[in-house]
């Protein structure tokens, strides 16, 4: 009896994961469409992706990254 219950529970987990994976694919497609639309309006999608990545970061992490980037630029004469 426990094998049947475990198999049913496993099946439910797998089905939930499959549904979530399908939703994730749909969201990824939507995001790609937004980037495509913004590119059509003349925006640089590489920069937009960088801005999105920066906005996800905590302020302290972003400040640390900016300081390191400035240090590296100075070291390479890119300031």
C-alpha atoms as a PDB file:
ATOM      1  CA  UNK A   1       0.000   0.000   0.000  1.00  0.00           C
ATOM      2  CA  UNK A   2       2.798   2.479   0.842  1.00  0.00           C
ATOM      3  CA  UNK A   3       4.376   1.871  -2.600  1.00  0.00           C
ATOM      4  CA  UNK A   4       1.138   2.985  -4.258  1.00  0.00           C
ATOM      5  CA  UNK A   5       0.917   6.104  -2.080  1.00  0.00           C
ATOM      6  CA  UNK A   6       4.558   6.970  -2.727  1.00  0.00           C
ATOM      7  CA  UNK A   7       4.117   6.439  -6.459  1.00  0.00           C
ATOM      8  CA  UNK A   8       1.030   8.681  -6.456  1.00  0.00           C
ATOM      9  CA  UNK A   9       2.840  11.344  -4.461  1.00  0.00           C
ATOM     10  CA  UNK A  10       5.854  11.160  -6.783  1.00  0.00           C
ATOM     11  CA  UNK A  11       3.588  11.456  -9.823  1.00  0.00           C
ATOM     12  CA  UNK A  12       1.972  14.573  -8.311  1.00  0.00           C
ATOM     13  CA  UNK A  13       5.373  16.157  -7.709  1.00  0.00           C
ATOM     14  CA  UNK A  14       6.465  15.396 -11.268  1.00  0.00           C
ATOM     15  CA  UNK A  15       3.240  16.814 -12.705  1.00  0.00           C
ATOM     16  CA  UNK A  16       3.623  20.003 -10.638  1.00  0.00           C
ATOM     17  CA  UNK A  17       7.191  20.416 -11.861  1.00  0.00           C
ATOM     18  CA  UNK A  18       6.095  19.873 -15.465  1.00  0.00           C
ATOM     19  CA  UNK A  19       3.374  22.530 -15.131  1.00  0.00           C
ATOM     20  CA  UNK A  20       5.824  24.982 -13.590  1.00  0.00           C
ATOM     21  CA  UNK A  21       8.378  24.296 -16.327  1.00  0.00           C
ATOM     22  CA  UNK A  22       5.710  25.049 -18.941  1.00  0.00           C
ATOM     23  CA  UNK A  23       4.783  28.287 -17.151  1.00  0.00           C
ATOM     24  CA  UNK A  24       8.480  29.212 -16.968  1.00  0.00           C
ATOM     25  CA  UNK A  25       8.806  28.668 -20.723  1.00  0.00           C
ATOM     26  CA  UNK A  26       5.795  30.911 -21.316  1.00  0.00           C
ATOM     27  CA  UNK A  27       7.252  33.640 -19.125  1.00  0.00           C
ATOM     28  CA  UNK A  28      10.627  33.351 -20.888  1.00  0.00           C
ATOM     29  CA  UNK A  29       8.857  33.752 -24.218  1.00  0.00           C
ATOM     30  CA  UNK A  30       7.044  36.846 -22.890  1.00  0.00           C
ATOM     31  CA  UNK A  31      10.312  38.376 -21.674  1.00  0.00           C
ATOM     32  CA  UNK A  32      11.934  37.700 -25.047  1.00  0.00           C
ATOM     33  CA  UNK A  33       8.976  39.436 -26.737  1.00  0.00           C
ATOM     34  CA  UNK A  34       9.393  42.520 -24.517  1.00  0.00           C
ATOM     35  CA  UNK A  35      13.108  42.724 -25.351  1.00  0.00           C
ATOM     36  CA  UNK A  36      12.295  42.341 -29.039  1.00  0.00           C
ATOM     37  CA  UNK A  37       9.672  45.073 -28.841  1.00  0.00           C
ATOM     38  CA  UNK A  38      12.039  47.417 -27.009  1.00  0.00           C
ATOM     39  CA  UNK A  39      14.765  46.738 -29.587  1.00  0.00           C
ATOM     40  CA  UNK A  40      12.276  47.678 -32.295  1.00  0.00           C
ATOM     41  CA  UNK A  41      11.796  50.996 -30.499  1.00  0.00           C
ATOM     42  CA  UNK A  42      15.553  51.636 -30.619  1.00  0.00           C
ATOM     43  CA  UNK A  43      16.619  50.530 -27.128  1.00  0.00           C
ATOM     44  CA  UNK A  44      19.853  48.608 -26.590  1.00  0.00           C
ATOM     45  CA  UNK A  45      18.754  45.282 -25.140  1.00  0.00           C
ATOM     46  CA  UNK A  46      22.243  44.398 -23.895  1.00  0.00           C
ATOM     47  CA  UNK A  47      22.199  47.504 -21.706  1.00  0.00           C
ATOM     48  CA  UNK A  48      18.623  46.808 -20.646  1.00  0.00           C
ATOM     49  CA  UNK A  49      19.608  43.305 -19.524  1.00  0.00           C
ATOM     50  CA  UNK A  50      22.512  44.790 -17.539  1.00  0.00           C
ATOM     51  CA  UNK A  51      20.143  47.288 -15.877  1.00  0.00           C
ATOM     52  CA  UNK A  52      17.709  44.500 -14.965  1.00  0.00           C
ATOM     53  CA  UNK A  53      20.600  42.503 -13.474  1.00  0.00           C
ATOM     54  CA  UNK A  54      21.778  45.561 -11.491  1.00  0.00           C
ATOM     55  CA  UNK A  55      18.288  46.272 -10.162  1.00  0.00           C
ATOM     56  CA  UNK A  56      18.103  42.717  -8.811  1.00  0.00           C
ATOM     57  CA  UNK A  57      21.288  43.209  -6.804  1.00  0.00           C
ATOM     58  CA  UNK A  58      21.405  44.495  -3.239  1.00  0.00           C
ATOM     59  CA  UNK A  59      22.757  48.043  -2.991  1.00  0.00           C
ATOM     60  CA  UNK A  60      25.856  46.926  -1.069  1.00  0.00           C
ATOM     61  CA  UNK A  61      26.687  44.292  -3.684  1.00  0.00           C
ATOM     62  CA  UNK A  62      26.128  46.808  -6.468  1.00  0.00           C
ATOM     63  CA  UNK A  63      28.380  49.379  -4.739  1.00  0.00           C
ATOM     64  CA  UNK A  64      31.103  46.745  -4.283  1.00  0.00           C
ATOM     65  CA  UNK A  65      30.886  45.760  -7.939  1.00  0.00           C
ATOM     66  CA  UNK A  66      31.065  49.414  -9.025  1.00  0.00           C
ATOM     67  CA  UNK A  67      34.167  49.967  -6.865  1.00  0.00           C
ATOM     68  CA  UNK A  68      35.884  46.886  -8.296  1.00  0.00           C
ATOM     69  CA  UNK A  69      34.971  47.861 -11.827  1.00  0.00           C
ATOM     70  CA  UNK A  70      36.430  51.327 -11.273  1.00  0.00           C
ATOM     71  CA  UNK A  71      39.620  49.788  -9.808  1.00  0.00           C
ATOM     72  CA  UNK A  72      39.989  47.487 -12.816  1.00  0.00           C
ATOM     73  CA  UNK A  73      39.320  50.315 -15.271  1.00  0.00           C
ATOM     74  CA  UNK A  74      41.938  52.492 -13.581  1.00  0.00           C
ATOM     75  CA  UNK A  75      44.461  49.636 -13.645  1.00  0.00           C
ATOM     76  CA  UNK A  76      43.893  49.197 -17.382  1.00  0.00           C
ATOM     77  CA  UNK A  77      43.866  52.918 -18.159  1.00  0.00           C
ATOM     78  CA  UNK A  78      40.199  52.922 -19.158  1.00  0.00           C
ATOM     79  CA  UNK A  79      39.124  55.689 -16.772  1.00  0.00           C
END
